[in-house]
PDB file of N, CA and C in Angstrom:
ATOM      1  N   MET A   1       9.322 -13.863 -12.218  1.00  0.00           N
ATOM      2  CA  MET A   1       8.905 -12.454 -12.354  1.00  0.00           C
ATOM      3  C   MET A   1       8.895 -11.787 -11.051  1.00  0.00           C
ATOM      4  N   LYS A   2       9.434 -10.607 -11.056  1.00  0.00           N
ATOM      5  CA  LYS A   2       9.384  -9.853  -9.826  1.00  0.00           C
ATOM      6  C   LYS A   2       8.613  -8.490  -9.997  1.00  0.00           C
ATOM      7  N   THR A   3       7.814  -8.250  -9.020  1.00  0.00           N
ATOM      8  CA  THR A   3       6.921  -7.148  -9.013  1.00  0.00           C
ATOM      9  C   THR A   3       7.057  -6.296  -7.673  1.00  0.00           C
ATOM     10  N   ARG A   4       6.441  -5.244  -7.936  1.00  0.00           N
ATOM     11  CA  ARG A   4       6.440  -4.329  -6.594  1.00  0.00           C
ATOM     12  C   ARG A   4       5.012  -4.199  -6.225  1.00  0.00           C
ATOM     13  N   CYS A   5       5.022  -3.911  -4.945  1.00  0.00           N
ATOM     14  CA  CYS A   5       3.418  -3.806  -4.345  1.00  0.00           C
ATOM     15  C   CYS A   5       3.523  -2.591  -3.186  1.00  0.00           C
ATOM     16  N   GLY A   6       2.504  -1.943  -3.268  1.00  0.00           N
ATOM     17  CA  GLY A   6       2.345  -1.021  -2.029  1.00  0.00           C
ATOM     18  C   GLY A   6       0.902  -1.163  -1.373  1.00  0.00           C
ATOM     19  N   ILE A   7       0.905  -1.322  -0.060  1.00  0.00           N
ATOM     20  CA  ILE A   7      -0.295  -1.696   0.574  1.00  0.00           C
ATOM     21  C   ILE A   7      -0.600  -0.802   1.615  1.00  0.00           C
ATOM     22  N   ASN A   8      -1.924  -0.336   1.604  1.00  0.00           N
ATOM     23  CA  ASN A   8      -2.391   0.639   2.721  1.00  0.00           C
ATOM     24  C   ASN A   8      -3.800   0.115   2.985  1.00  0.00           C
ATOM     25  N   THR A   9      -4.060   0.464   4.339  1.00  0.00           N
ATOM     26  CA  THR A   9      -5.347   0.039   4.807  1.00  0.00           C
ATOM     27  C   THR A   9      -6.202   1.177   5.256  1.00  0.00           C
ATOM     28  N   GLY A  10      -7.501   1.189   4.719  1.00  0.00           N
ATOM     29  CA  GLY A  10      -8.382   2.354   5.079  1.00  0.00           C
ATOM     30  C   GLY A  10      -9.567   2.297   4.279  1.00  0.00           C
ATOM     31  N   GLU A  11     -10.422   3.256   4.299  1.00  0.00           N
ATOM     32  CA  GLU A  11     -11.645   3.472   3.501  1.00  0.00           C
ATOM     33  C   GLU A  11     -11.416   4.063   2.054  1.00  0.00           C
ATOM     34  N   ILE A  12     -12.088   3.224   1.161  1.00  0.00           N
ATOM     35  CA  ILE A  12     -11.929   3.627  -0.297  1.00  0.00           C
ATOM     36  C   ILE A  12     -13.370   3.636  -0.894  1.00  0.00           C
ATOM     37  N   ILE A  13     -13.329   4.159  -2.248  1.00  0.00           N
ATOM     38  CA  ILE A  13     -14.641   4.166  -2.892  1.00  0.00           C
ATOM     39  C   ILE A  13     -14.395   2.975  -4.037  1.00  0.00           C
ATOM     40  N   VAL A  14     -15.360   2.059  -3.943  1.00  0.00           N
ATOM     41  CA  VAL A  14     -15.225   0.941  -4.872  1.00  0.00           C
ATOM     42  C   VAL A  14     -16.499   0.900  -5.729  1.00  0.00           C
ATOM     43  N   GLY A  15     -16.388   0.596  -7.264  1.00  0.00           N
ATOM     44  CA  GLY A  15     -17.674   0.466  -7.952  1.00  0.00           C
ATOM     45  C   GLY A  15     -17.422   0.355  -9.270  1.00  0.00           C
ATOM     46  N   ALA A  16     -18.304   0.072 -10.212  1.00  0.00           N
ATOM     47  CA  ALA A  16     -18.330   0.055 -11.565  1.00  0.00           C
ATOM     48  C   ALA A  16     -18.781   1.406 -12.050  1.00  0.00           C
ATOM     49  N   ILE A  17     -17.993   1.969 -12.962  1.00  0.00           N
ATOM     50  CA  ILE A  17     -18.501   3.216 -13.614  1.00  0.00           C
ATOM     51  C   ILE A  17     -18.518   3.077 -15.084  1.00  0.00           C
ATOM     52  N   GLY A  18     -19.288   3.858 -15.817  1.00  0.00           N
ATOM     53  CA  GLY A  18     -19.223   4.092 -17.259  1.00  0.00           C
ATOM     54  C   GLY A  18     -20.689   3.648 -17.565  1.00  0.00           C
ATOM     55  N   ALA A  19     -20.765   3.437 -18.886  1.00  0.00           N
ATOM     56  CA  ALA A  19     -21.981   3.054 -19.681  1.00  0.00           C
ATOM     57  C   ALA A  19     -22.386   1.694 -19.417  1.00  0.00           C
ATOM     58  N   GLU A  20     -23.548   1.208 -19.453  1.00  0.00           N
ATOM     59  CA  GLU A  20     -24.204  -0.128 -19.091  1.00  0.00           C
ATOM     60  C   GLU A  20     -23.348  -1.104 -20.089  1.00  0.00           C
ATOM     61  N   ASN A  21     -22.917  -0.751 -21.166  1.00  0.00           N
ATOM     62  CA  ASN A  21     -22.328  -1.826 -22.136  1.00  0.00           C
ATOM     63  C   ASN A  21     -20.877  -1.601 -22.031  1.00  0.00           C
ATOM     64  N   HIS A  22     -20.336  -0.601 -21.065  1.00  0.00           N
ATOM     65  CA  HIS A  22     -18.742  -0.577 -21.163  1.00  0.00           C
ATOM     66  C   HIS A  22     -18.459  -0.140 -19.571  1.00  0.00           C
ATOM     67  N   LEU A  23     -18.720  -1.096 -18.528  1.00  0.00           N
ATOM     68  CA  LEU A  23     -18.514  -0.696 -17.236  1.00  0.00           C
ATOM     69  C   LEU A  23     -17.019  -0.898 -16.872  1.00  0.00           C
ATOM     70  N   THR A  24     -16.564  -0.246 -16.166  1.00  0.00           N
ATOM     71  CA  THR A  24     -15.094  -0.428 -15.677  1.00  0.00           C
ATOM     72  C   THR A  24     -15.123  -0.467 -14.136  1.00  0.00           C
ATOM     73  N   PHE A  25     -14.557  -1.468 -13.518  1.00  0.00           N
ATOM     74  CA  PHE A  25     -14.528  -1.546 -12.081  1.00  0.00           C
ATOM     75  C   PHE A  25     -13.205  -0.835 -11.624  1.00  0.00           C
ATOM     76  N   THR A  26     -13.362   0.106 -10.498  1.00  0.00           N
ATOM     77  CA  THR A  26     -12.199   1.047 -10.166  1.00  0.00           C
ATOM     78  C   THR A  26     -12.393   1.322  -8.691  1.00  0.00           C
ATOM     79  N   VAL A  27     -11.350   1.658  -8.222  1.00  0.00           N
ATOM     80  CA  VAL A  27     -11.139   2.214  -6.707  1.00  0.00           C
ATOM     81  C   VAL A  27     -10.605   3.621  -6.697  1.00  0.00           C
ATOM     82  N   HIS A  28     -11.176   4.386  -5.729  1.00  0.00           N
ATOM     83  CA  HIS A  28     -10.863   5.682  -5.671  1.00  0.00           C
ATOM     84  C   HIS A  28     -10.660   6.221  -4.252  1.00  0.00           C
ATOM     85  N   GLY A  29      -9.779   7.098  -3.831  1.00  0.00           N
ATOM     86  CA  GLY A  29      -9.544   7.673  -2.518  1.00  0.00           C
ATOM     87  C   GLY A  29      -8.228   7.859  -2.119  1.00  0.00           C
ATOM     88  N   ASP A  30      -8.183   8.576  -1.241  1.00  0.00           N
ATOM     89  CA  ASP A  30      -6.750   8.948  -0.431  1.00  0.00           C
ATOM     90  C   ASP A  30      -6.044   7.713  -0.211  1.00  0.00           C
ATOM     91  N   ASN A  31      -6.607   6.760   0.378  1.00  0.00           N
ATOM     92  CA  ASN A  31      -5.958   5.418   0.782  1.00  0.00           C
ATOM     93  C   ASN A  31      -5.457   4.819  -0.389  1.00  0.00           C
ATOM     94  N   VAL A  32      -6.093   4.709  -1.322  1.00  0.00           N
ATOM     95  CA  VAL A  32      -5.600   4.015  -2.893  1.00  0.00           C
ATOM     96  C   VAL A  32      -4.346   4.881  -3.236  1.00  0.00           C
ATOM     97  N   ASN A  33      -4.286   6.086  -3.279  1.00  0.00           N
ATOM     98  CA  ASN A  33      -3.199   6.985  -3.682  1.00  0.00           C
ATOM     99  C   ASN A  33      -1.923   6.739  -2.847  1.00  0.00           C
ATOM    100  N   ILE A  34      -2.119   6.485  -1.570  1.00  0.00           N
ATOM    101  CA  ILE A  34      -1.048   6.129  -0.696  1.00  0.00           C
ATOM    102  C   ILE A  34      -0.408   4.830  -1.099  1.00  0.00           C
ATOM    103  N   ALA A  35      -1.229   3.770  -1.394  1.00  0.00           N
ATOM    104  CA  ALA A  35      -0.832   2.538  -1.776  1.00  0.00           C
ATOM    105  C   ALA A  35       0.063   2.519  -3.054  1.00  0.00           C
ATOM    106  N   ALA A  36      -0.565   3.502  -3.963  1.00  0.00           N
ATOM    107  CA  ALA A  36       0.229   3.636  -5.368  1.00  0.00           C
ATOM    108  C   ALA A  36       1.639   4.292  -5.199  1.00  0.00           C
ATOM    109  N   ARG A  37       1.630   5.348  -4.135  1.00  0.00           N
ATOM    110  CA  ARG A  37       2.702   5.969  -4.017  1.00  0.00           C
ATOM    111  C   ARG A  37       3.808   4.908  -3.210  1.00  0.00           C
ATOM    112  N   LEU A  38       3.423   4.075  -2.357  1.00  0.00           N
ATOM    113  CA  LEU A  38       4.197   3.160  -1.771  1.00  0.00           C
ATOM    114  C   LEU A  38       4.904   2.197  -2.826  1.00  0.00           C
ATOM    115  N   GLU A  39       4.036   1.798  -3.681  1.00  0.00           N
ATOM    116  CA  GLU A  39       4.468   0.882  -4.734  1.00  0.00           C
ATOM    117  C   GLU A  39       5.577   1.588  -5.482  1.00  0.00           C
ATOM    118  N   GLN A  40       5.623   2.757  -5.869  1.00  0.00           N
ATOM    119  CA  GLN A  40       6.562   3.563  -6.536  1.00  0.00           C
ATOM    120  C   GLN A  40       7.742   3.710  -5.668  1.00  0.00           C
ATOM    121  N   LEU A  41       7.577   3.926  -4.250  1.00  0.00           N
ATOM    122  CA  LEU A  41       8.848   4.085  -3.379  1.00  0.00           C
ATOM    123  C   LEU A  41       9.647   2.827  -3.236  1.00  0.00           C
ATOM    124  N   ASN A  42       9.097   1.671  -3.646  1.00  0.00           N
ATOM    125  CA  ASN A  42       9.858   0.356  -3.465  1.00  0.00           C
ATOM    126  C   ASN A  42      11.262   0.461  -4.230  1.00  0.00           C
ATOM    127  N   LYS A  43      11.180   1.025  -5.321  1.00  0.00           N
ATOM    128  CA  LYS A  43      12.523   1.296  -6.043  1.00  0.00           C
ATOM    129  C   LYS A  43      13.642   2.005  -5.248  1.00  0.00           C
ATOM    130  N   GLN A  44      13.078   3.021  -4.668  1.00  0.00           N
ATOM    131  CA  GLN A  44      13.945   3.786  -3.855  1.00  0.00           C
ATOM    132  C   GLN A  44      14.540   2.955  -2.418  1.00  0.00           C
ATOM    133  N   TYR A  45      13.645   2.194  -2.069  1.00  0.00           N
ATOM    134  CA  TYR A  45      14.121   1.384  -0.820  1.00  0.00           C
ATOM    135  C   TYR A  45      14.689  -0.059  -1.242  1.00  0.00           C
ATOM    136  N   GLY A  46      14.600  -0.219  -2.473  1.00  0.00           N
ATOM    137  CA  GLY A  46      15.233  -1.588  -2.890  1.00  0.00           C
ATOM    138  C   GLY A  46      14.432  -2.953  -2.132  1.00  0.00           C
ATOM    139  N   SER A  47      13.180  -2.598  -2.160  1.00  0.00           N
ATOM    140  CA  SER A  47      12.258  -3.467  -1.601  1.00  0.00           C
ATOM    141  C   SER A  47      11.066  -3.991  -2.697  1.00  0.00           C
ATOM    142  N   TYR A  48      10.347  -5.043  -2.370  1.00  0.00           N
ATOM    143  CA  TYR A  48       9.369  -5.258  -3.266  1.00  0.00           C
ATOM    144  C   TYR A  48       7.927  -5.041  -2.656  1.00  0.00           C
ATOM    145  N   ILE A  49       7.816  -5.059  -1.296  1.00  0.00           N
ATOM    146  CA  ILE A  49       6.642  -4.750  -0.616  1.00  0.00           C
ATOM    147  C   ILE A  49       6.619  -3.889   0.215  1.00  0.00           C
ATOM    148  N   LEU A  50       5.992  -2.595   0.193  1.00  0.00           N
ATOM    149  CA  LEU A  50       5.806  -1.749   1.343  1.00  0.00           C
ATOM    150  C   LEU A  50       4.598  -1.511   1.856  1.00  0.00           C
ATOM    151  N   ALA A  51       4.245  -1.251   2.975  1.00  0.00           N
ATOM    152  CA  ALA A  51       3.009  -1.205   3.618  1.00  0.00           C
ATOM    153  C   ALA A  51       3.076  -0.149   4.751  1.00  0.00           C
ATOM    154  N   THR A  52       1.951   0.548   4.884  1.00  0.00           N
ATOM    155  CA  THR A  52       1.834   1.567   6.026  1.00  0.00           C
ATOM    156  C   THR A  52       1.726   0.741   7.426  1.00  0.00           C
ATOM    157  N   LYS A  53       2.053   1.616   8.443  1.00  0.00           N
ATOM    158  CA  LYS A  53       1.836   1.018   9.719  1.00  0.00           C
ATOM    159  C   LYS A  53       0.465   0.800  10.126  1.00  0.00           C
ATOM    160  N   GLU A  54      -0.359   1.444   9.498  1.00  0.00           N
ATOM    161  CA  GLU A  54      -1.854   1.099   9.684  1.00  0.00           C
ATOM    162  C   GLU A  54      -2.232  -0.329   9.038  1.00  0.00           C
ATOM    163  N   THR A  55      -1.610  -0.728   8.050  1.00  0.00           N
ATOM    164  CA  THR A  55      -1.912  -2.148   7.480  1.00  0.00           C
ATOM    165  C   THR A  55      -1.144  -3.182   8.492  1.00  0.00           C
ATOM    166  N   HIS A  56      -0.076  -2.791   9.012  1.00  0.00           N
ATOM    167  CA  HIS A  56       0.607  -3.674   9.877  1.00  0.00           C
ATOM    168  C   HIS A  56      -0.216  -3.939  11.154  1.00  0.00           C
ATOM    169  N   ARG A  57      -0.728  -2.866  11.655  1.00  0.00           N
ATOM    170  CA  ARG A  57      -1.731  -2.837  12.793  1.00  0.00           C
ATOM    171  C   ARG A  57      -2.934  -3.775  12.627  1.00  0.00           C
ATOM    172  N   ALA A  58      -3.497  -3.528  11.297  1.00  0.00           N
ATOM    173  CA  ALA A  58      -4.577  -4.235  10.945  1.00  0.00           C
ATOM    174  C   ALA A  58      -4.412  -5.772  10.722  1.00  0.00           C
ATOM    175  N   CYS A  59      -3.306  -6.185  10.308  1.00  0.00           N
ATOM    176  CA  CYS A  59      -2.962  -7.611  10.235  1.00  0.00           C
ATOM    177  C   CYS A  59      -2.890  -8.205  11.532  1.00  0.00           C
ATOM    178  N   GLY A  60      -2.400  -7.641  12.483  1.00  0.00           N
ATOM    179  CA  GLY A  60      -2.413  -8.329  13.803  1.00  0.00           C
ATOM    180  C   GLY A  60      -1.544  -9.536  13.611  1.00  0.00           C
ATOM    181  N   ASP A  61      -2.121 -10.722  14.357  1.00  0.00           N
ATOM    182  CA  ASP A  61      -1.548 -11.894  14.425  1.00  0.00           C
ATOM    183  C   ASP A  61      -1.469 -12.818  12.818  1.00  0.00           C
ATOM    184  N   LEU A  62      -2.389 -12.218  11.901  1.00  0.00           N
ATOM    185  CA  LEU A  62      -2.316 -12.950  10.657  1.00  0.00           C
ATOM    186  C   LEU A  62      -1.021 -12.785   9.688  1.00  0.00           C
ATOM    187  N   CYS A  63      -0.101 -11.850  10.106  1.00  0.00           N
ATOM    188  CA  CYS A  63       1.167 -11.693   9.363  1.00  0.00           C
ATOM    189  C   CYS A  63       2.359 -12.194  10.170  1.00  0.00           C
ATOM    190  N   GLU A  64       2.012 -12.923  11.374  1.00  0.00           N
ATOM    191  CA  GLU A  64       3.141 -13.339  12.125  1.00  0.00           C
ATOM    192  C   GLU A  64       3.902 -14.613  11.138  1.00  0.00           C
ATOM    193  N   GLY A  65       5.324 -14.232  11.513  1.00  0.00           N
ATOM    194  CA  GLY A  65       6.038 -15.056  10.675  1.00  0.00           C
ATOM    195  C   GLY A  65       6.756 -14.293   9.520  1.00  0.00           C
ATOM    196  N   SER A  66       6.108 -13.238   9.186  1.00  0.00           N
ATOM    197  CA  SER A  66       6.648 -12.265   8.053  1.00  0.00           C
ATOM    198  C   SER A  66       7.552 -11.427   8.657  1.00  0.00           C
ATOM    199  N   ASP A  67       8.520 -10.967   7.832  1.00  0.00           N
ATOM    200  CA  ASP A  67       9.632  -9.946   8.574  1.00  0.00           C
ATOM    201  C   ASP A  67       9.266  -8.577   8.204  1.00  0.00           C
ATOM    202  N   TRP A  68       8.823  -7.871   9.145  1.00  0.00           N
ATOM    203  CA  TRP A  68       8.267  -6.436   8.851  1.00  0.00           C
ATOM    204  C   TRP A  68       9.481  -5.524   9.355  1.00  0.00           C
ATOM    205  N   THR A  69       9.938  -4.710   8.462  1.00  0.00           N
ATOM    206  CA  THR A  69      11.085  -3.864   8.802  1.00  0.00           C
ATOM    207  C   THR A  69      10.703  -2.271   8.675  1.00  0.00           C
ATOM    208  N   PRO A  70      10.712  -1.494   9.854  1.00  0.00           N
ATOM    209  CA  PRO A  70      10.397  -0.236   9.651  1.00  0.00           C
ATOM    210  C   PRO A  70      11.392   0.613   8.741  1.00  0.00           C
ATOM    211  N   CYS A  71      10.818   1.339   7.848  1.00  0.00           N
ATOM    212  CA  CYS A  71      11.655   2.188   6.970  1.00  0.00           C
ATOM    213  C   CYS A  71      11.544   3.600   7.271  1.00  0.00           C
ATOM    214  N   GLY A  72      10.807   3.898   8.620  1.00  0.00           N
ATOM    215  CA  GLY A  72      10.657   5.374   8.853  1.00  0.00           C
ATOM    216  C   GLY A  72       9.385   5.944   8.397  1.00  0.00           C
ATOM    217  N   ASP A  73       9.319   7.138   8.573  1.00  0.00           N
ATOM    218  CA  ASP A  73       8.203   8.135   8.006  1.00  0.00           C
ATOM    219  C   ASP A  73       8.630   8.571   6.668  1.00  0.00           C
ATOM    220  N   VAL A  74       7.730   8.534   5.675  1.00  0.00           N
ATOM    221  CA  VAL A  74       7.949   9.121   4.359  1.00  0.00           C
ATOM    222  C   VAL A  74       6.807  10.183   4.058  1.00  0.00           C
ATOM    223  N   ILE A  75       7.190  11.251   3.211  1.00  0.00           N
ATOM    224  CA  ILE A  75       6.188  11.999   2.845  1.00  0.00           C
ATOM    225  C   ILE A  75       5.736  11.662   1.477  1.00  0.00           C
ATOM    226  N   VAL A  76       4.472  11.385   1.612  1.00  0.00           N
ATOM    227  CA  VAL A  76       3.761  10.596   0.402  1.00  0.00           C
ATOM    228  C   VAL A  76       3.310  11.825  -0.545  1.00  0.00           C
ATOM    229  N   ARG A  77       3.715  11.960  -1.845  1.00  0.00           N
ATOM    230  CA  ARG A  77       3.373  13.039  -2.700  1.00  0.00           C
ATOM    231  C   ARG A  77       1.837  13.261  -2.579  1.00  0.00           C
ATOM    232  N   GLY A  78       1.430  14.449  -2.445  1.00  0.00           N
ATOM    233  CA  GLY A  78      -0.052  14.795  -2.412  1.00  0.00           C
ATOM    234  C   GLY A  78      -0.568  14.683  -0.881  1.00  0.00           C
ATOM    235  N   ARG A  79       0.404  14.513  -0.070  1.00  0.00           N
ATOM    236  CA  ARG A  79      -0.024  14.466   1.558  1.00  0.00           C
ATOM    237  C   ARG A  79       0.959  15.384   2.341  1.00  0.00           C
ATOM    238  N   ALA A  80       0.477  16.062   3.309  1.00  0.00           N
ATOM    239  CA  ALA A  80       1.351  16.921   4.142  1.00  0.00           C
ATOM    240  C   ALA A  80       1.849  16.075   5.227  1.00  0.00           C
ATOM    241  N   ALA A  81       0.970  15.173   5.851  1.00  0.00           N
ATOM    242  CA  ALA A  81       1.646  14.579   7.100  1.00  0.00           C
ATOM    243  C   ALA A  81       2.301  13.451   6.677  1.00  0.00           C
ATOM    244  N   PRO A  82       3.409  12.947   7.513  1.00  0.00           N
ATOM    245  CA  PRO A  82       4.353  11.838   7.070  1.00  0.00           C
ATOM    246  C   PRO A  82       3.532  10.613   7.296  1.00  0.00           C
ATOM    247  N   THR A  83       3.941   9.500   6.524  1.00  0.00           N
ATOM    248  CA  THR A  83       3.306   8.177   6.592  1.00  0.00           C
ATOM    249  C   THR A  83       4.448   7.208   7.017  1.00  0.00           C
ATOM    250  N   PRO A  84       4.121   6.590   8.194  1.00  0.00           N
ATOM    251  CA  PRO A  84       4.923   5.488   8.701  1.00  0.00           C
ATOM    252  C   PRO A  84       4.960   4.307   7.693  1.00  0.00           C
ATOM    253  N   VAL A  85       6.193   3.880   7.287  1.00  0.00           N
ATOM    254  CA  VAL A  85       6.256   2.754   6.168  1.00  0.00           C
ATOM    255  C   VAL A  85       7.131   1.712   6.795  1.00  0.00           C
ATOM    256  N   LEU A  86       6.604   0.373   6.459  1.00  0.00           N
ATOM    257  CA  LEU A  86       7.390  -0.765   6.693  1.00  0.00           C
ATOM    258  C   LEU A  86       7.698  -1.586   5.402  1.00  0.00           C
ATOM    259  N   SER A  87       8.872  -2.259   5.385  1.00  0.00           N
ATOM    260  CA  SER A  87       8.904  -3.216   4.216  1.00  0.00           C
ATOM    261  C   SER A  87       8.576  -4.624   4.771  1.00  0.00           C
ATOM    262  N   ILE A  88       8.309  -5.456   3.777  1.00  0.00           N
ATOM    263  CA  ILE A  88       7.737  -6.824   4.216  1.00  0.00           C
ATOM    264  C   ILE A  88       8.387  -7.835   3.479  1.00  0.00           C
ATOM    265  N   ALA A  89       9.151  -8.781   4.090  1.00  0.00           N
ATOM    266  CA  ALA A  89       9.824  -9.799   3.336  1.00  0.00           C
ATOM    267  C   ALA A  89       9.098 -11.176   3.860  1.00  0.00           C
ATOM    268  N   SER A  90       8.889 -12.127   2.799  1.00  0.00           N
ATOM    269  CA  SER A  90       8.236 -13.318   3.001  1.00  0.00           C
ATOM    270  C   SER A  90       9.198 -14.162   3.909  1.00  0.00           C
ATOM    271  N   PRO A  91       8.745 -15.201   4.691  1.00  0.00           N
ATOM    272  CA  PRO A  91       9.562 -16.002   5.434  1.00  0.00           C
ATOM    273  C   PRO A  91      10.235 -16.867   4.483  1.00  0.00           C
ATOM    274  N   SER A  92      11.574 -17.424   4.824  1.00  0.00           N
ATOM    275  CA  SER A  92      12.390 -18.078   3.870  1.00  0.00           C
ATOM    276  C   SER A  92      11.778 -19.431   3.829  1.00  0.00           C
TER     277      SER A  92
END
């Protein structure tokens, strides 16, 4: 099964909302929206994982061995500033 993923790094709001007998765990915020938009952009780029440059920077040495390919800056719907994006391929 193949799936697509968008990854962004930053502050978000996390919590359970709703009535006591029907709580739903959720995340909100601009950084969540960016990740969701990147997930959608995978189809356009023919990729499966897109991440922001901020995520790449935050990974540091943890992602050594993975192939990070710059895709340029994209305008993410709902944001005025361009977002630097990279595709990620797993090591063979």
